[in-house]
């Protein structure tokens, strides 16, 4: 179990994710503001990953995180797939991507005469 915890935390850190706290079977993964966190969480769930989102008012609006549980029977392939999905979620729903999406929506708004 400890090897799985270390592997997942190391893989997340290597890919730019912050996992605060002491190593345990529950791995917190910081995902940022509530809006981004919700979009990333939806992406993860639709991709088959299991994450529990912790957001405001439990934490500050800008400090949402996933609560991920590591199990002894997880294989490295499972953790590799999870992190790849998290990277994709971050890429799809980072602040610049959300800004581009909002700009796209703004350009299609009909302005009354």
PDB file of N, CA and C in Angstrom:
ATOM      1  N   UNK A   1       0.809  -1.186   0.000  1.00  0.00           N
ATOM      2  CA  UNK A   1       0.000   0.000   0.000  1.00  0.00           C
ATOM      3  C   UNK A   1       0.859   1.259   0.000  1.00  0.00           C
ATOM      4  N   UNK A   2       1.883   1.291   0.841  1.00  0.00           N
ATOM      5  CA  UNK A   2       2.759   2.460   0.921  1.00  0.00           C
ATOM      6  C   UNK A   2       3.443   2.716  -0.419  1.00  0.00           C
ATOM      7  N   UNK A   3       3.779   1.667  -1.131  1.00  0.00           N
ATOM      8  CA  UNK A   3       4.417   1.821  -2.443  1.00  0.00           C
ATOM      9  C   UNK A   3       3.450   2.484  -3.428  1.00  0.00           C
ATOM     10  N   UNK A   4       2.174   2.107  -3.380  1.00  0.00           N
ATOM     11  CA  UNK A   4       1.180   2.715  -4.262  1.00  0.00           C
ATOM     12  C   UNK A   4       0.982   4.197  -3.941  1.00  0.00           C
ATOM     13  N   UNK A   5       0.936   4.502  -2.654  1.00  0.00           N
ATOM     14  CA  UNK A   5       0.781   5.897  -2.228  1.00  0.00           C
ATOM     15  C   UNK A   5       1.957   6.727  -2.731  1.00  0.00           C
ATOM     16  N   UNK A   6       3.160   6.245  -2.522  1.00  0.00           N
ATOM     17  CA  UNK A   6       4.356   6.968  -2.967  1.00  0.00           C
ATOM     18  C   UNK A   6       4.384   7.102  -4.484  1.00  0.00           C
ATOM     19  N   UNK A   7       4.002   6.048  -5.186  1.00  0.00           N
ATOM     20  CA  UNK A   7       4.014   6.083  -6.648  1.00  0.00           C
ATOM     21  C   UNK A   7       3.033   7.129  -7.175  1.00  0.00           C
ATOM     22  N   UNK A   8       1.787   7.104  -6.679  1.00  0.00           N
ATOM     23  CA  UNK A   8       0.790   8.054  -7.161  1.00  0.00           C
ATOM     24  C   UNK A   8       1.178   9.487  -6.826  1.00  0.00           C
ATOM     25  N   UNK A   9       1.597   9.740  -5.601  1.00  0.00           N
ATOM     26  CA  UNK A   9       1.992  11.101  -5.214  1.00  0.00           C
ATOM     27  C   UNK A   9       3.178  11.572  -6.049  1.00  0.00           C
ATOM     28  N   UNK A  10       4.144  10.689  -6.285  1.00  0.00           N
ATOM     29  CA  UNK A  10       5.309  11.056  -7.093  1.00  0.00           C
ATOM     30  C   UNK A  10       4.936  11.350  -8.535  1.00  0.00           C
ATOM     31  N   UNK A  11       4.064  10.528  -9.101  1.00  0.00           N
ATOM     32  CA  UNK A  11       3.633  10.718 -10.485  1.00  0.00           C
ATOM     33  C   UNK A  11       2.834  12.013 -10.634  1.00  0.00           C
ATOM     34  N   UNK A  12       1.976  12.293  -9.680  1.00  0.00           N
ATOM     35  CA  UNK A  12       1.228  13.549  -9.715  1.00  0.00           C
ATOM     36  C   UNK A  12       2.175  14.747  -9.613  1.00  0.00           C
ATOM     37  N   UNK A  13       3.113  14.688  -8.669  1.00  0.00           N
ATOM     38  CA  UNK A  13       4.071  15.789  -8.493  1.00  0.00           C
ATOM     39  C   UNK A  13       4.926  15.985  -9.748  1.00  0.00           C
ATOM     40  N   UNK A  14       5.371  14.880 -10.338  1.00  0.00           N
ATOM     41  CA  UNK A  14       6.187  14.944 -11.558  1.00  0.00           C
ATOM     42  C   UNK A  14       5.439  15.660 -12.680  1.00  0.00           C
ATOM     43  N   UNK A  15       4.115  15.580 -12.654  1.00  0.00           N
ATOM     44  CA  UNK A  15       3.303  16.194 -13.697  1.00  0.00           C
ATOM     45  C   UNK A  15       2.662  17.512 -13.260  1.00  0.00           C
ATOM     46  N   UNK A  16       3.214  18.117 -12.213  1.00  0.00           N
ATOM     47  CA  UNK A  16       2.822  19.459 -11.820  1.00  0.00           C
ATOM     48  C   UNK A  16       1.624  19.584 -10.907  1.00  0.00           C
ATOM     49  N   UNK A  17       1.145  18.476 -10.352  1.00  0.00           N
ATOM     50  CA  UNK A  17       0.032  18.545  -9.415  1.00  0.00           C
ATOM     51  C   UNK A  17       0.573  18.666  -7.998  1.00  0.00           C
ATOM     52  N   UNK A  18      -0.141  19.397  -7.166  1.00  0.00           N
ATOM     53  CA  UNK A  18       0.238  19.584  -5.768  1.00  0.00           C
ATOM     54  C   UNK A  18      -0.577  18.615  -4.922  1.00  0.00           C
ATOM     55  N   UNK A  19       0.121  17.851  -4.088  1.00  0.00           N
ATOM     56  CA  UNK A  19      -0.518  16.881  -3.188  1.00  0.00           C
ATOM     57  C   UNK A  19      -0.042  17.170  -1.767  1.00  0.00           C
ATOM     58  N   UNK A  20      -0.697  18.131  -1.090  1.00  0.00           N
ATOM     59  CA  UNK A  20      -0.223  18.530   0.244  1.00  0.00           C
ATOM     60  C   UNK A  20      -0.465  17.449   1.295  1.00  0.00           C
ATOM     61  N   UNK A  21       0.149  17.652   2.432  1.00  0.00           N
ATOM     62  CA  UNK A  21      -0.069  16.759   3.570  1.00  0.00           C
ATOM     63  C   UNK A  21       0.882  15.586   3.588  1.00  0.00           C
ATOM     64  N   UNK A  22       0.730  14.810   4.623  1.00  0.00           N
ATOM     65  CA  UNK A  22       1.552  13.620   4.819  1.00  0.00           C
ATOM     66  C   UNK A  22       1.011  12.477   3.961  1.00  0.00           C
ATOM     67  N   UNK A  23       1.892  11.612   3.459  1.00  0.00           N
ATOM     68  CA  UNK A  23       1.427  10.471   2.671  1.00  0.00           C
ATOM     69  C   UNK A  23       0.466   9.587   3.455  1.00  0.00           C
ATOM     70  N   UNK A  24      -0.671   9.306   2.834  1.00  0.00           N
ATOM     71  CA  UNK A  24      -1.662   8.394   3.408  1.00  0.00           C
ATOM     72  C   UNK A  24      -2.488   7.832   2.262  1.00  0.00           C
ATOM     73  N   UNK A  25      -3.424   6.961   2.574  1.00  0.00           N
ATOM     74  CA  UNK A  25      -4.261   6.351   1.543  1.00  0.00           C
ATOM     75  C   UNK A  25      -5.190   7.362   0.881  1.00  0.00           C
ATOM     76  N   UNK A  26      -5.423   8.499   1.528  1.00  0.00           N
ATOM     77  CA  UNK A  26      -6.207   9.583   0.945  1.00  0.00           C
ATOM     78  C   UNK A  26      -5.227  10.625   0.421  1.00  0.00           C
ATOM     79  N   UNK A  27      -5.261  10.832  -0.890  1.00  0.00           N
ATOM     80  CA  UNK A  27      -4.338  11.775  -1.525  1.00  0.00           C
ATOM     81  C   UNK A  27      -5.122  13.005  -1.972  1.00  0.00           C
ATOM     82  N   UNK A  28      -4.865  14.172  -1.360  1.00  0.00           N
ATOM     83  CA  UNK A  28      -5.500  15.391  -1.826  1.00  0.00           C
ATOM     84  C   UNK A  28      -4.748  15.925  -3.049  1.00  0.00           C
ATOM     85  N   UNK A  29      -5.494  16.277  -4.094  1.00  0.00           N
ATOM     86  CA  UNK A  29      -4.892  16.806  -5.320  1.00  0.00           C
ATOM     87  C   UNK A  29      -5.502  18.181  -5.567  1.00  0.00           C
ATOM     88  N   UNK A  30      -4.709  19.223  -5.423  1.00  0.00           N
ATOM     89  CA  UNK A  30      -5.192  20.592  -5.583  1.00  0.00           C
ATOM     90  C   UNK A  30      -5.561  20.832  -7.046  1.00  0.00           C
ATOM     91  N   UNK A  31      -6.793  21.333  -7.269  1.00  0.00           N
ATOM     92  CA  UNK A  31      -7.248  21.603  -8.630  1.00  0.00           C
ATOM     93  C   UNK A  31      -7.682  23.050  -8.835  1.00  0.00           C
ATOM     94  N   UNK A  32      -7.565  23.901  -7.820  1.00  0.00           N
ATOM     95  CA  UNK A  32      -7.769  25.331  -8.007  1.00  0.00           C
ATOM     96  C   UNK A  32      -9.147  25.851  -7.670  1.00  0.00           C
ATOM     97  N   UNK A  33      -9.579  26.846  -8.451  1.00  0.00           N
ATOM     98  CA  UNK A  33     -10.848  27.514  -8.149  1.00  0.00           C
ATOM     99  C   UNK A  33     -12.032  26.580  -8.390  1.00  0.00           C
ATOM    100  N   UNK A  34     -13.152  26.923  -7.793  1.00  0.00           N
ATOM    101  CA  UNK A  34     -14.333  26.057  -7.844  1.00  0.00           C
ATOM    102  C   UNK A  34     -14.817  25.780  -9.256  1.00  0.00           C
ATOM    103  N   UNK A  35     -14.847  26.814 -10.098  1.00  0.00           N
ATOM    104  CA  UNK A  35     -15.354  26.624 -11.466  1.00  0.00           C
ATOM    105  C   UNK A  35     -14.475  25.646 -12.243  1.00  0.00           C
ATOM    106  N   UNK A  36     -13.174  25.851 -12.190  1.00  0.00           N
ATOM    107  CA  UNK A  36     -12.247  24.957 -12.879  1.00  0.00           C
ATOM    108  C   UNK A  36     -12.327  23.557 -12.297  1.00  0.00           C
ATOM    109  N   UNK A  37     -12.388  23.473 -10.975  1.00  0.00           N
ATOM    110  CA  UNK A  37     -12.444  22.182 -10.306  1.00  0.00           C
ATOM    111  C   UNK A  37     -13.682  21.389 -10.722  1.00  0.00           C
ATOM    112  N   UNK A  38     -14.809  22.056 -10.852  1.00  0.00           N
ATOM    113  CA  UNK A  38     -16.033  21.363 -11.272  1.00  0.00           C
ATOM    114  C   UNK A  38     -15.915  20.842 -12.697  1.00  0.00           C
ATOM    115  N   UNK A  39     -15.348  21.649 -13.581  1.00  0.00           N
ATOM    116  CA  UNK A  39     -15.166  21.209 -14.969  1.00  0.00           C
ATOM    117  C   UNK A  39     -14.193  20.039 -15.051  1.00  0.00           C
ATOM    118  N   UNK A  40     -13.094  20.140 -14.306  1.00  0.00           N
ATOM    119  CA  UNK A  40     -12.110  19.055 -14.305  1.00  0.00           C
ATOM    120  C   UNK A  40     -12.705  17.780 -13.714  1.00  0.00           C
ATOM    121  N   UNK A  41     -13.503  17.926 -12.672  1.00  0.00           N
ATOM    122  CA  UNK A  41     -14.124  16.768 -12.036  1.00  0.00           C
ATOM    123  C   UNK A  41     -15.099  16.094 -12.985  1.00  0.00           C
ATOM    124  N   UNK A  42     -15.894  16.882 -13.677  1.00  0.00           N
ATOM    125  CA  UNK A  42     -16.828  16.314 -14.653  1.00  0.00           C
ATOM    126  C   UNK A  42     -16.060  15.540 -15.723  1.00  0.00           C
ATOM    127  N   UNK A  43     -14.946  16.101 -16.178  1.00  0.00           N
ATOM    128  CA  UNK A  43     -14.107  15.428 -17.176  1.00  0.00           C
ATOM    129  C   UNK A  43     -13.599  14.093 -16.639  1.00  0.00           C
ATOM    130  N   UNK A  44     -13.124  14.091 -15.406  1.00  0.00           N
ATOM    131  CA  UNK A  44     -12.596  12.867 -14.805  1.00  0.00           C
ATOM    132  C   UNK A  44     -13.679  11.804 -14.703  1.00  0.00           C
ATOM    133  N   UNK A  45     -14.847  12.171 -14.215  1.00  0.00           N
ATOM    134  CA  UNK A  45     -15.926  11.209 -14.031  1.00  0.00           C
ATOM    135  C   UNK A  45     -16.389  10.663 -15.375  1.00  0.00           C
ATOM    136  N   UNK A  46     -16.526  11.532 -16.364  1.00  0.00           N
ATOM    137  CA  UNK A  46     -16.928  11.071 -17.696  1.00  0.00           C
ATOM    138  C   UNK A  46     -15.885  10.150 -18.315  1.00  0.00           C
ATOM    139  N   UNK A  47     -14.635  10.299 -17.871  1.00  0.00           N
ATOM    140  CA  UNK A  47     -13.559   9.446 -18.378  1.00  0.00           C
ATOM    141  C   UNK A  47     -13.413   8.161 -17.580  1.00  0.00           C
ATOM    142  N   UNK A  48     -14.235   8.002 -16.543  1.00  0.00           N
ATOM    143  CA  UNK A  48     -14.208   6.774 -15.757  1.00  0.00           C
ATOM    144  C   UNK A  48     -13.379   6.826 -14.499  1.00  0.00           C
ATOM    145  N   UNK A  49     -12.810   7.992 -14.182  1.00  0.00           N
ATOM    146  CA  UNK A  49     -12.004   8.126 -12.965  1.00  0.00           C
ATOM    147  C   UNK A  49     -12.925   8.444 -11.790  1.00  0.00           C
ATOM    148  N   UNK A  50     -12.538   8.003 -10.629  1.00  0.00           N
ATOM    149  CA  UNK A  50     -13.316   8.275  -9.427  1.00  0.00           C
ATOM    150  C   UNK A  50     -12.573   9.312  -8.603  1.00  0.00           C
ATOM    151  N   UNK A  51     -13.199  10.482  -8.466  1.00  0.00           N
ATOM    152  CA  UNK A  51     -12.645  11.551  -7.633  1.00  0.00           C
ATOM    153  C   UNK A  51     -13.773  12.160  -6.821  1.00  0.00           C
ATOM    154  N   UNK A  52     -13.449  12.585  -5.637  1.00  0.00           N
ATOM    155  CA  UNK A  52     -14.400  13.309  -4.793  1.00  0.00           C
ATOM    156  C   UNK A  52     -13.917  14.745  -4.708  1.00  0.00           C
ATOM    157  N   UNK A  53     -14.737  15.671  -5.137  1.00  0.00           N
ATOM    158  CA  UNK A  53     -14.359  17.086  -5.127  1.00  0.00           C
ATOM    159  C   UNK A  53     -14.687  17.699  -3.772  1.00  0.00           C
ATOM    160  N   UNK A  54     -13.708  18.394  -3.213  1.00  0.00           N
ATOM    161  CA  UNK A  54     -13.895  19.165  -1.988  1.00  0.00           C
ATOM    162  C   UNK A  54     -13.764  20.623  -2.408  1.00  0.00           C
ATOM    163  N   UNK A  55     -14.826  21.390  -2.176  1.00  0.00           N
ATOM    164  CA  UNK A  55     -14.826  22.778  -2.626  1.00  0.00           C
ATOM    165  C   UNK A  55     -15.479  23.680  -1.582  1.00  0.00           C
ATOM    166  N   UNK A  56     -15.560  24.951  -1.910  1.00  0.00           N
ATOM    167  CA  UNK A  56     -16.185  25.932  -1.042  1.00  0.00           C
ATOM    168  C   UNK A  56     -17.592  25.475  -0.679  1.00  0.00           C
ATOM    169  N   UNK A  57     -18.013  25.548   0.567  1.00  0.00           N
ATOM    170  CA  UNK A  57     -17.439  26.264   1.698  1.00  0.00           C
ATOM    171  C   UNK A  57     -16.500  25.426   2.573  1.00  0.00           C
ATOM    172  N   UNK A  58     -16.240  24.185   2.192  1.00  0.00           N
ATOM    173  CA  UNK A  58     -15.322  23.360   2.991  1.00  0.00           C
ATOM    174  C   UNK A  58     -13.894  23.886   2.937  1.00  0.00           C
ATOM    175  N   UNK A  59     -13.534  24.507   1.814  1.00  0.00           N
ATOM    176  CA  UNK A  59     -12.218  25.117   1.636  1.00  0.00           C
ATOM    177  C   UNK A  59     -12.421  26.471   0.954  1.00  0.00           C
ATOM    178  N   UNK A  60     -11.384  27.272   0.904  1.00  0.00           N
ATOM    179  CA  UNK A  60     -11.462  28.568   0.215  1.00  0.00           C
ATOM    180  C   UNK A  60     -11.831  28.360  -1.246  1.00  0.00           C
ATOM    181  N   UNK A  61     -12.496  29.327  -1.859  1.00  0.00           N
ATOM    182  CA  UNK A  61     -12.951  29.204  -3.247  1.00  0.00           C
ATOM    183  C   UNK A  61     -11.824  28.855  -4.213  1.00  0.00           C
ATOM    184  N   UNK A  62     -10.636  29.309  -3.934  1.00  0.00           N
ATOM    185  CA  UNK A  62      -9.508  29.087  -4.845  1.00  0.00           C
ATOM    186  C   UNK A  62      -8.713  27.822  -4.522  1.00  0.00           C
ATOM    187  N   UNK A  63      -9.142  27.053  -3.551  1.00  0.00           N
ATOM    188  CA  UNK A  63      -8.346  25.907  -3.094  1.00  0.00           C
ATOM    189  C   UNK A  63      -9.091  24.580  -3.156  1.00  0.00           C
ATOM    190  N   UNK A  64      -9.930  24.412  -4.160  1.00  0.00           N
ATOM    191  CA  UNK A  64     -10.638  23.132  -4.310  1.00  0.00           C
ATOM    192  C   UNK A  64      -9.630  22.013  -4.555  1.00  0.00           C
ATOM    193  N   UNK A  65      -9.991  20.823  -4.113  1.00  0.00           N
ATOM    194  CA  UNK A  65      -9.099  19.688  -4.356  1.00  0.00           C
ATOM    195  C   UNK A  65      -9.906  18.408  -4.497  1.00  0.00           C
ATOM    196  N   UNK A  66      -9.263  17.438  -5.156  1.00  0.00           N
ATOM    197  CA  UNK A  66      -9.828  16.102  -5.238  1.00  0.00           C
ATOM    198  C   UNK A  66      -9.342  15.311  -4.042  1.00  0.00           C
ATOM    199  N   UNK A  67     -10.201  14.489  -3.540  1.00  0.00           N
ATOM    200  CA  UNK A  67      -9.850  13.543  -2.484  1.00  0.00           C
ATOM    201  C   UNK A  67      -9.818  12.178  -3.163  1.00  0.00           C
ATOM    202  N   UNK A  68      -8.611  11.680  -3.376  1.00  0.00           N
ATOM    203  CA  UNK A  68      -8.409  10.438  -4.127  1.00  0.00           C
ATOM    204  C   UNK A  68      -7.972   9.350  -3.149  1.00  0.00           C
ATOM    205  N   UNK A  69      -8.574   8.188  -3.254  1.00  0.00           N
ATOM    206  CA  UNK A  69      -8.224   7.089  -2.360  1.00  0.00           C
ATOM    207  C   UNK A  69      -7.373   6.065  -3.093  1.00  0.00           C
ATOM    208  N   UNK A  70      -6.239   5.741  -2.509  1.00  0.00           N
ATOM    209  CA  UNK A  70      -5.338   4.721  -3.051  1.00  0.00           C
ATOM    210  C   UNK A  70      -5.616   3.409  -2.324  1.00  0.00           C
ATOM    211  N   UNK A  71      -5.679   2.338  -3.099  1.00  0.00           N
ATOM    212  CA  UNK A  71      -5.934   1.024  -2.509  1.00  0.00           C
ATOM    213  C   UNK A  71      -4.752   0.090  -2.793  1.00  0.00           C
ATOM    214  N   UNK A  72      -4.612  -0.915  -1.966  1.00  0.00           N
ATOM    215  CA  UNK A  72      -3.512  -1.869  -2.117  1.00  0.00           C
ATOM    216  C   UNK A  72      -3.585  -2.620  -3.430  1.00  0.00           C
ATOM    217  N   UNK A  73      -4.806  -2.845  -3.939  1.00  0.00           N
ATOM    218  CA  UNK A  73      -4.912  -3.616  -5.176  1.00  0.00           C
ATOM    219  C   UNK A  73      -4.878  -2.763  -6.442  1.00  0.00           C
ATOM    220  N   UNK A  74      -4.635  -1.463  -6.300  1.00  0.00           N
ATOM    221  CA  UNK A  74      -4.407  -0.651  -7.496  1.00  0.00           C
ATOM    222  C   UNK A  74      -3.078  -1.078  -8.128  1.00  0.00           C
ATOM    223  N   UNK A  75      -3.089  -1.176  -9.430  1.00  0.00           N
ATOM    224  CA  UNK A  75      -1.862  -1.481 -10.158  1.00  0.00           C
ATOM    225  C   UNK A  75      -1.305  -0.179 -10.718  1.00  0.00           C
ATOM    226  N   UNK A  76      -0.030  -0.180 -11.049  1.00  0.00           N
ATOM    227  CA  UNK A  76       0.579   1.044 -11.587  1.00  0.00           C
ATOM    228  C   UNK A  76      -0.142   1.526 -12.835  1.00  0.00           C
ATOM    229  N   UNK A  77      -0.618   0.605 -13.629  1.00  0.00           N
ATOM    230  CA  UNK A  77      -1.364   0.972 -14.832  1.00  0.00           C
ATOM    231  C   UNK A  77      -2.601   1.804 -14.463  1.00  0.00           C
ATOM    232  N   UNK A  78      -3.282   1.440 -13.374  1.00  0.00           N
ATOM    233  CA  UNK A  78      -4.450   2.201 -12.923  1.00  0.00           C
ATOM    234  C   UNK A  78      -4.041   3.632 -12.579  1.00  0.00           C
ATOM    235  N   UNK A  79      -2.946   3.763 -11.852  1.00  0.00           N
ATOM    236  CA  UNK A  79      -2.499   5.086 -11.429  1.00  0.00           C
ATOM    237  C   UNK A  79      -1.981   5.900 -12.611  1.00  0.00           C
ATOM    238  N   UNK A  80      -1.289   5.244 -13.539  1.00  0.00           N
ATOM    239  CA  UNK A  80      -0.829   5.926 -14.755  1.00  0.00           C
ATOM    240  C   UNK A  80      -2.014   6.471 -15.552  1.00  0.00           C
ATOM    241  N   UNK A  81      -3.058   5.658 -15.677  1.00  0.00           N
ATOM    242  CA  UNK A  81      -4.259   6.067 -16.407  1.00  0.00           C
ATOM    243  C   UNK A  81      -4.952   7.224 -15.698  1.00  0.00           C
ATOM    244  N   UNK A  82      -5.027   7.157 -14.379  1.00  0.00           N
ATOM    245  CA  UNK A  82      -5.636   8.229 -13.608  1.00  0.00           C
ATOM    246  C   UNK A  82      -4.892   9.547 -13.829  1.00  0.00           C
ATOM    247  N   UNK A  83      -3.578   9.514 -13.735  1.00  0.00           N
ATOM    248  CA  UNK A  83      -2.795  10.742 -13.889  1.00  0.00           C
ATOM    249  C   UNK A  83      -2.894  11.271 -15.320  1.00  0.00           C
ATOM    250  N   UNK A  84      -2.898  10.394 -16.300  1.00  0.00           N
ATOM    251  CA  UNK A  84      -3.063  10.839 -17.692  1.00  0.00           C
ATOM    252  C   UNK A  84      -4.408  11.539 -17.864  1.00  0.00           C
ATOM    253  N   UNK A  85      -5.436  11.014 -17.239  1.00  0.00           N
ATOM    254  CA  UNK A  85      -6.764  11.627 -17.302  1.00  0.00           C
ATOM    255  C   UNK A  85      -6.756  12.982 -16.600  1.00  0.00           C
ATOM    256  N   UNK A  86      -6.083  13.081 -15.467  1.00  0.00           N
ATOM    257  CA  UNK A  86      -5.987  14.343 -14.736  1.00  0.00           C
ATOM    258  C   UNK A  86      -5.238  15.394 -15.554  1.00  0.00           C
ATOM    259  N   UNK A  87      -4.192  14.971 -16.244  1.00  0.00           N
ATOM    260  CA  UNK A  87      -3.438  15.889 -17.116  1.00  0.00           C
ATOM    261  C   UNK A  87      -4.348  16.391 -18.228  1.00  0.00           C
ATOM    262  N   UNK A  88      -5.119  15.497 -18.806  1.00  0.00           N
ATOM    263  CA  UNK A  88      -6.043  15.880 -19.872  1.00  0.00           C
ATOM    264  C   UNK A  88      -7.109  16.837 -19.346  1.00  0.00           C
ATOM    265  N   UNK A  89      -7.633  16.565 -18.164  1.00  0.00           N
ATOM    266  CA  UNK A  89      -8.636  17.457 -17.563  1.00  0.00           C
ATOM    267  C   UNK A  89      -8.049  18.838 -17.339  1.00  0.00           C
ATOM    268  N   UNK A  90      -6.835  18.894 -16.825  1.00  0.00           N
ATOM    269  CA  UNK A  90      -6.187  20.188 -16.587  1.00  0.00           C
ATOM    270  C   UNK A  90      -5.950  20.917 -17.902  1.00  0.00           C
ATOM    271  N   UNK A  91      -5.519  20.186 -18.912  1.00  0.00           N
ATOM    272  CA  UNK A  91      -5.281  20.792 -20.229  1.00  0.00           C
ATOM    273  C   UNK A  91      -6.589  21.329 -20.823  1.00  0.00           C
ATOM    274  N   UNK A  92      -7.647  20.546 -20.732  1.00  0.00           N
ATOM    275  CA  UNK A  92      -8.940  20.948 -21.297  1.00  0.00           C
ATOM    276  C   UNK A  92      -9.561  22.120 -20.557  1.00  0.00           C
ATOM    277  N   UNK A  93      -9.376  22.164 -19.240  1.00  0.00           N
ATOM    278  CA  UNK A  93     -10.129  23.114 -18.436  1.00  0.00           C
ATOM    279  C   UNK A  93      -9.261  24.056 -17.625  1.00  0.00           C
ATOM    280  N   UNK A  94      -8.040  24.318 -18.073  1.00  0.00           N
ATOM    281  CA  UNK A  94      -7.207  25.299 -17.380  1.00  0.00           C
ATOM    282  C   UNK A  94      -7.802  26.683 -17.585  1.00  0.00           C
ATOM    283  N   UNK A  95      -7.349  27.650 -16.844  1.00  0.00           N
ATOM    284  CA  UNK A  95      -7.875  29.019 -16.946  1.00  0.00           C
ATOM    285  C   UNK A  95      -7.798  29.567 -18.366  1.00  0.00           C
ATOM    286  N   UNK A  96      -6.685  29.404 -19.094  1.00  0.00           N
ATOM    287  CA  UNK A  96      -6.666  29.910 -20.468  1.00  0.00           C
ATOM    288  C   UNK A  96      -7.711  29.232 -21.357  1.00  0.00           C
ATOM    289  N   UNK A  97      -7.936  27.945 -21.182  1.00  0.00           N
ATOM    290  CA  UNK A  97      -8.936  27.243 -21.984  1.00  0.00           C
ATOM    291  C   UNK A  97     -10.324  27.764 -21.667  1.00  0.00           C
ATOM    292  N   UNK A  98     -10.616  28.008 -20.388  1.00  0.00           N
ATOM    293  CA  UNK A  98     -11.914  28.544 -20.004  1.00  0.00           C
ATOM    294  C   UNK A  98     -12.089  29.947 -20.560  1.00  0.00           C
ATOM    295  N   UNK A  99     -11.011  30.749 -20.560  1.00  0.00           N
ATOM    296  CA  UNK A  99     -11.089  32.109 -21.105  1.00  0.00           C
ATOM    297  C   UNK A  99     -11.370  32.059 -22.605  1.00  0.00           C
ATOM    298  N   UNK A 100     -10.733  31.123 -23.295  1.00  0.00           N
ATOM    299  CA  UNK A 100     -10.971  30.980 -24.735  1.00  0.00           C
ATOM    300  C   UNK A 100     -12.405  30.549 -24.998  1.00  0.00           C
ATOM    301  N   UNK A 101     -12.924  29.652 -24.174  1.00  0.00           N
ATOM    302  CA  UNK A 101     -14.303  29.203 -24.314  1.00  0.00           C
ATOM    303  C   UNK A 101     -15.263  30.370 -24.099  1.00  0.00           C
ATOM    304  N   UNK A 102     -15.004  31.173 -23.087  1.00  0.00           N
ATOM    305  CA  UNK A 102     -15.859  32.328 -22.810  1.00  0.00           C
ATOM    306  C   UNK A 102     -15.798  33.326 -23.963  1.00  0.00           C
ATOM    307  N   UNK A 103     -14.599  33.550 -24.511  1.00  0.00           N
ATOM    308  CA  UNK A 103     -14.458  34.472 -25.639  1.00  0.00           C
ATOM    309  C   UNK A 103     -15.224  33.967 -26.853  1.00  0.00           C
ATOM    310  N   UNK A 104     -15.194  32.663 -27.064  1.00  0.00           N
ATOM    311  CA  UNK A 104     -15.928  32.072 -28.180  1.00  0.00           C
ATOM    312  C   UNK A 104     -17.422  32.290 -27.998  1.00  0.00           C
ATOM    313  N   UNK A 105     -17.903  32.099 -26.798  1.00  0.00           N
ATOM    314  CA  UNK A 105     -19.324  32.314 -26.517  1.00  0.00           C
ATOM    315  C   UNK A 105     -19.702  33.772 -26.730  1.00  0.00           C
ATOM    316  N   UNK A 106     -18.834  34.693 -26.319  1.00  0.00           N
ATOM    317  CA  UNK A 106     -19.114  36.109 -26.471  1.00  0.00           C
ATOM    318  C   UNK A 106     -19.225  36.525 -27.925  1.00  0.00           C
ATOM    319  N   UNK A 107     -18.438  35.923 -28.802  1.00  0.00           N
ATOM    320  CA  UNK A 107     -18.463  36.320 -30.198  1.00  0.00           C
ATOM    321  C   UNK A 107     -19.720  35.835 -30.909  1.00  0.00           C
ATOM    322  N   UNK A 108     -20.451  34.916 -30.295  1.00  0.00           N
ATOM    323  CA  UNK A 108     -21.664  34.388 -30.922  1.00  0.00           C
ATOM    324  C   UNK A 108     -22.946  34.944 -30.314  1.00  0.00           C
ATOM    325  N   UNK A 109     -22.811  35.939 -29.461  1.00  0.00           N
ATOM    326  CA  UNK A 109     -23.978  36.531 -28.839  1.00  0.00           C
ATOM    327  C   UNK A 109     -24.592  37.555 -29.795  1.00  0.00           C
ATOM    328  N   UNK A 110     -25.870  37.430 -30.060  1.00  0.00           N
ATOM    329  CA  UNK A 110     -26.539  38.379 -30.953  1.00  0.00           C
ATOM    330  C   UNK A 110     -26.749  39.699 -30.211  1.00  0.00           C
ATOM    331  N   UNK A 111     -26.396  40.768 -30.859  1.00  0.00           N
ATOM    332  CA  UNK A 111     -26.559  42.097 -30.279  1.00  0.00           C
ATOM    333  C   UNK A 111     -27.783  42.732 -30.915  1.00  0.00           C
ATOM    334  N   UNK A 112     -28.767  43.135 -30.111  1.00  0.00           N
ATOM    335  CA  UNK A 112     -29.973  43.743 -30.690  1.00  0.00           C
ATOM    336  C   UNK A 112     -29.657  45.091 -31.326  1.00  0.00           C
ATOM    337  N   UNK A 113     -30.391  45.429 -32.387  1.00  0.00           N
ATOM    338  CA  UNK A 113     -30.195  46.722 -33.060  1.00  0.00           C
ATOM    339  C   UNK A 113     -30.796  47.854 -32.286  1.00  0.00           C
TER     340      UNK A 113
END
